[in-house]
Amino acid sequence: MFSAALLSIAVVAMGQFALYYWRAVFTGMASLAISSRVLEAAQVQDESICGNDFEKFASLLTLTPELKEMNGGLGMVKAYYSVVQRAESMLAKFSPMMAGWAEKERMLCARIAAVHIDRRLEANLMHAASIRSL
């Protein structure tokens, strides 16, 4: 009985650690600078990025070619965005604080999508430059 309780506590603690780690990576990526060319392509100002811009950036990411194999997409970000959007639609009418939190989280997702585009473009430019130098 003690072993089962200890195992369940360890699993919960490990899950909590994984969630906090994922959240830290998520927030760290969203805080990176976004280049002006990505903002111009999406027709967005840096200070006015909102949660609704996520769809713009996600569609721009699909238009951006990936020359090198990179294991980075928007799979988890899209899933998180849809969960936040559903939570907002269900709970925002009961709590205005929930609407503010959801908009902040959706803005984070939009910034991450913009950073993904920027990274992909930068990698493509570096790859093209290396090909030209041969």
C-alpha atoms as a PDB file:
ATOM      1  CA  MET A   1       0.000   0.000   0.000  1.00  0.00           C
ATOM      2  CA  PHE A   2       2.812   2.393   0.883  1.00  0.00           C
ATOM      3  CA  SER A   3       4.556   1.580  -2.423  1.00  0.00           C
ATOM      4  CA  ALA A   4       1.448   2.435  -4.432  1.00  0.00           C
ATOM      5  CA  ALA A   5       1.016   5.741  -2.608  1.00  0.00           C
ATOM      6  CA  LEU A   6       4.680   6.608  -3.124  1.00  0.00           C
ATOM      7  CA  LEU A   7       4.466   5.704  -6.808  1.00  0.00           C
ATOM      8  CA  SER A   8       1.357   7.831  -7.337  1.00  0.00           C
ATOM      9  CA  ILE A   9       2.963  10.809  -5.587  1.00  0.00           C
ATOM     10  CA  ALA A  10       6.082  10.416  -7.757  1.00  0.00           C
ATOM     11  CA  VAL A  11       4.011  10.217 -10.952  1.00  0.00           C
ATOM     12  CA  VAL A  12       2.015  13.332 -10.018  1.00  0.00           C
ATOM     13  CA  ALA A  13       5.198  15.226  -9.130  1.00  0.00           C
ATOM     14  CA  MET A  14       6.839  14.187 -12.389  1.00  0.00           C
ATOM     15  CA  GLY A  15       3.765  15.264 -14.359  1.00  0.00           C
ATOM     16  CA  GLN A  16       3.745  18.614 -12.597  1.00  0.00           C
ATOM     17  CA  PHE A  17       7.439  19.094 -13.344  1.00  0.00           C
ATOM     18  CA  ALA A  18       6.869  18.235 -17.018  1.00  0.00           C
ATOM     19  CA  LEU A  19       4.006  20.717 -17.207  1.00  0.00           C
ATOM     20  CA  TYR A  20       6.078  23.509 -15.624  1.00  0.00           C
ATOM     21  CA  TYR A  21       9.020  22.749 -17.893  1.00  0.00           C
ATOM     22  CA  TRP A  22       6.838  22.793 -20.996  1.00  0.00           C
ATOM     23  CA  ARG A  23       5.300  26.080 -19.884  1.00  0.00           C
ATOM     24  CA  ALA A  24       8.747  27.626 -19.332  1.00  0.00           C
ATOM     25  CA  VAL A  25       9.908  26.581 -22.803  1.00  0.00           C
ATOM     26  CA  PHE A  26       6.641  27.866 -24.258  1.00  0.00           C
ATOM     27  CA  THR A  27       6.998  31.270 -22.584  1.00  0.00           C
ATOM     28  CA  GLY A  28      10.704  31.514 -23.404  1.00  0.00           C
ATOM     29  CA  MET A  29      10.082  30.916 -27.085  1.00  0.00           C
ATOM     30  CA  ALA A  30       7.281  33.494 -27.146  1.00  0.00           C
ATOM     31  CA  SER A  31       9.587  36.120 -25.659  1.00  0.00           C
ATOM     32  CA  LEU A  32      12.061  35.929 -28.565  1.00  0.00           C
ATOM     33  CA  ALA A  33      12.218  38.823 -30.996  1.00  0.00           C
ATOM     34  CA  ILE A  34      10.198  38.626 -34.190  1.00  0.00           C
ATOM     35  CA  SER A  35      11.739  40.061 -37.337  1.00  0.00           C
ATOM     36  CA  SER A  36      10.062  42.862 -39.202  1.00  0.00           C
ATOM     37  CA  ARG A  37       9.760  40.793 -42.383  1.00  0.00           C
ATOM     38  CA  VAL A  38       7.504  38.274 -40.635  1.00  0.00           C
ATOM     39  CA  LEU A  39       5.384  41.045 -39.148  1.00  0.00           C
ATOM     40  CA  GLU A  40       5.118  42.739 -42.551  1.00  0.00           C
ATOM     41  CA  ALA A  41       4.114  39.491 -44.225  1.00  0.00           C
ATOM     42  CA  ALA A  42       1.328  39.004 -41.681  1.00  0.00           C
ATOM     43  CA  GLN A  43       0.461  42.730 -41.796  1.00  0.00           C
ATOM     44  CA  VAL A  44       0.768  43.002 -38.015  1.00  0.00           C
ATOM     45  CA  GLN A  45       2.575  45.469 -35.749  1.00  0.00           C
ATOM     46  CA  ASP A  46       4.806  43.946 -33.045  1.00  0.00           C
ATOM     47  CA  GLU A  47       3.054  45.720 -30.205  1.00  0.00           C
ATOM     48  CA  SER A  48      -0.400  44.869 -31.547  1.00  0.00           C
ATOM     49  CA  ILE A  49      -0.093  41.090 -31.865  1.00  0.00           C
ATOM     50  CA  CYS A  50      -3.262  39.547 -30.500  1.00  0.00           C
ATOM     51  CA  GLY A  51      -4.645  36.047 -30.155  1.00  0.00           C
ATOM     52  CA  ASN A  52      -6.582  36.268 -33.403  1.00  0.00           C
ATOM     53  CA  ASP A  53      -3.319  36.651 -35.340  1.00  0.00           C
ATOM     54  CA  PHE A  54      -2.464  33.005 -34.647  1.00  0.00           C
ATOM     55  CA  GLU A  55      -4.401  31.850 -37.723  1.00  0.00           C
ATOM     56  CA  LYS A  56      -2.479  34.326 -39.907  1.00  0.00           C
ATOM     57  CA  PHE A  57       0.867  33.109 -38.641  1.00  0.00           C
ATOM     58  CA  ALA A  58      -0.135  29.441 -38.849  1.00  0.00           C
ATOM     59  CA  SER A  59      -1.179  29.858 -42.477  1.00  0.00           C
ATOM     60  CA  LEU A  60       2.065  31.727 -43.231  1.00  0.00           C
ATOM     61  CA  LEU A  61       4.045  28.866 -41.685  1.00  0.00           C
ATOM     62  CA  THR A  62       2.431  26.400 -44.093  1.00  0.00           C
ATOM     63  CA  LEU A  63       3.526  28.648 -46.986  1.00  0.00           C
ATOM     64  CA  THR A  64       7.111  28.782 -45.748  1.00  0.00           C
ATOM     65  CA  PRO A  65       9.187  25.973 -47.264  1.00  0.00           C
ATOM     66  CA  GLU A  66      11.332  23.835 -45.030  1.00  0.00           C
ATOM     67  CA  LEU A  67      14.623  23.081 -46.756  1.00  0.00           C
ATOM     68  CA  LYS A  68      16.270  21.186 -43.930  1.00  0.00           C
ATOM     69  CA  GLU A  69      14.727  18.547 -41.752  1.00  0.00           C
ATOM     70  CA  MET A  70      13.763  20.329 -38.572  1.00  0.00           C
ATOM     71  CA  ASN A  71      11.661  18.775 -35.885  1.00  0.00           C
ATOM     72  CA  GLY A  72       9.615  21.805 -35.065  1.00  0.00           C
ATOM     73  CA  GLY A  73       6.067  22.507 -35.967  1.00  0.00           C
ATOM     74  CA  LEU A  74       2.999  23.960 -34.443  1.00  0.00           C
ATOM     75  CA  GLY A  75       1.334  20.693 -33.421  1.00  0.00           C
ATOM     76  CA  MET A  76       1.420  21.240 -29.673  1.00  0.00           C
ATOM     77  CA  VAL A  77       0.850  24.972 -30.028  1.00  0.00           C
ATOM     78  CA  LYS A  78      -2.226  24.420 -32.213  1.00  0.00           C
ATOM     79  CA  ALA A  79      -3.585  21.931 -29.705  1.00  0.00           C
ATOM     80  CA  TYR A  80      -3.002  24.328 -26.819  1.00  0.00           C
ATOM     81  CA  TYR A  81      -4.550  27.184 -28.796  1.00  0.00           C
ATOM     82  CA  SER A  82      -7.709  25.189 -29.469  1.00  0.00           C
ATOM     83  CA  VAL A  83      -7.968  24.131 -25.806  1.00  0.00           C
ATOM     84  CA  VAL A  84      -7.614  27.739 -24.664  1.00  0.00           C
ATOM     85  CA  GLN A  85     -10.137  28.887 -27.269  1.00  0.00           C
ATOM     86  CA  ARG A  86     -12.678  26.276 -26.099  1.00  0.00           C
ATOM     87  CA  ALA A  87     -12.086  27.175 -22.465  1.00  0.00           C
ATOM     88  CA  GLU A  88     -12.605  30.820 -23.285  1.00  0.00           C
ATOM     89  CA  SER A  89     -15.852  30.179 -25.134  1.00  0.00           C
ATOM     90  CA  MET A  90     -17.216  28.065 -22.281  1.00  0.00           C
ATOM     91  CA  LEU A  91     -15.995  30.010 -19.251  1.00  0.00           C
ATOM     92  CA  ALA A  92     -15.570  33.633 -20.347  1.00  0.00           C
ATOM     93  CA  LYS A  93     -19.224  34.476 -19.806  1.00  0.00           C
ATOM     94  CA  PHE A  94     -18.906  33.427 -16.158  1.00  0.00           C
ATOM     95  CA  SER A  95     -15.575  35.065 -15.434  1.00  0.00           C
ATOM     96  CA  PRO A  96     -14.124  38.146 -17.142  1.00  0.00           C
ATOM     97  CA  MET A  97     -10.752  37.216 -15.667  1.00  0.00           C
ATOM     98  CA  MET A  98     -10.874  33.993 -17.701  1.00  0.00           C
ATOM     99  CA  ALA A  99     -11.336  36.007 -20.914  1.00  0.00           C
ATOM    100  CA  GLY A 100      -8.237  38.072 -20.139  1.00  0.00           C
ATOM    101  CA  TRP A 101      -6.190  34.968 -19.356  1.00  0.00           C
ATOM    102  CA  ALA A 102      -7.339  33.252 -22.552  1.00  0.00           C
ATOM    103  CA  GLU A 103      -6.447  36.269 -24.706  1.00  0.00           C
ATOM    104  CA  LYS A 104      -2.985  36.388 -23.120  1.00  0.00           C
ATOM    105  CA  GLU A 105      -2.452  32.693 -23.821  1.00  0.00           C
ATOM    106  CA  ARG A 106      -3.700  32.988 -27.410  1.00  0.00           C
ATOM    107  CA  MET A 107      -1.320  35.943 -27.928  1.00  0.00           C
ATOM    108  CA  LEU A 108       1.497  33.714 -26.641  1.00  0.00           C
ATOM    109  CA  CYS A 109       0.554  31.103 -29.248  1.00  0.00           C
ATOM    110  CA  ALA A 110       0.558  33.752 -31.994  1.00  0.00           C
ATOM    111  CA  ARG A 111       4.025  34.936 -30.951  1.00  0.00           C
ATOM    112  CA  ILE A 112       5.323  31.349 -30.975  1.00  0.00           C
ATOM    113  CA  ALA A 113       3.972  30.817 -34.489  1.00  0.00           C
ATOM    114  CA  ALA A 114       5.713  34.026 -35.611  1.00  0.00           C
ATOM    115  CA  VAL A 115       8.983  32.871 -34.034  1.00  0.00           C
ATOM    116  CA  HIS A 116       8.654  29.527 -35.862  1.00  0.00           C
ATOM    117  CA  ILE A 117       8.258  31.363 -39.168  1.00  0.00           C
ATOM    118  CA  ASP A 118      11.253  33.557 -38.390  1.00  0.00           C
ATOM    119  CA  ARG A 119      13.424  30.572 -37.492  1.00  0.00           C
ATOM    120  CA  ARG A 120      12.393  28.683 -40.615  1.00  0.00           C
ATOM    121  CA  LEU A 121      13.132  31.673 -42.853  1.00  0.00           C
ATOM    122  CA  GLU A 122      16.505  32.212 -41.185  1.00  0.00           C
ATOM    123  CA  ALA A 123      17.411  28.528 -41.605  1.00  0.00           C
ATOM    124  CA  ASN A 124      16.396  28.670 -45.267  1.00  0.00           C
ATOM    125  CA  LEU A 125      18.477  31.787 -45.865  1.00  0.00           C
ATOM    126  CA  MET A 126      21.515  30.182 -44.227  1.00  0.00           C
ATOM    127  CA  HIS A 127      21.003  27.005 -46.238  1.00  0.00           C
ATOM    128  CA  ALA A 128      20.736  29.007 -49.488  1.00  0.00           C
ATOM    129  CA  ALA A 129      23.893  30.959 -48.592  1.00  0.00           C
ATOM    130  CA  SER A 130      25.805  27.748 -47.953  1.00  0.00           C
ATOM    131  CA  ILE A 131      24.710  26.380 -51.303  1.00  0.00           C
ATOM    132  CA  ARG A 132      25.830  29.577 -53.081  1.00  0.00           C
ATOM    133  CA  SER A 133      29.230  29.420 -51.431  1.00  0.00           C
ATOM    134  CA  LEU A 134      29.950  26.002 -52.908  1.00  0.00           C
END
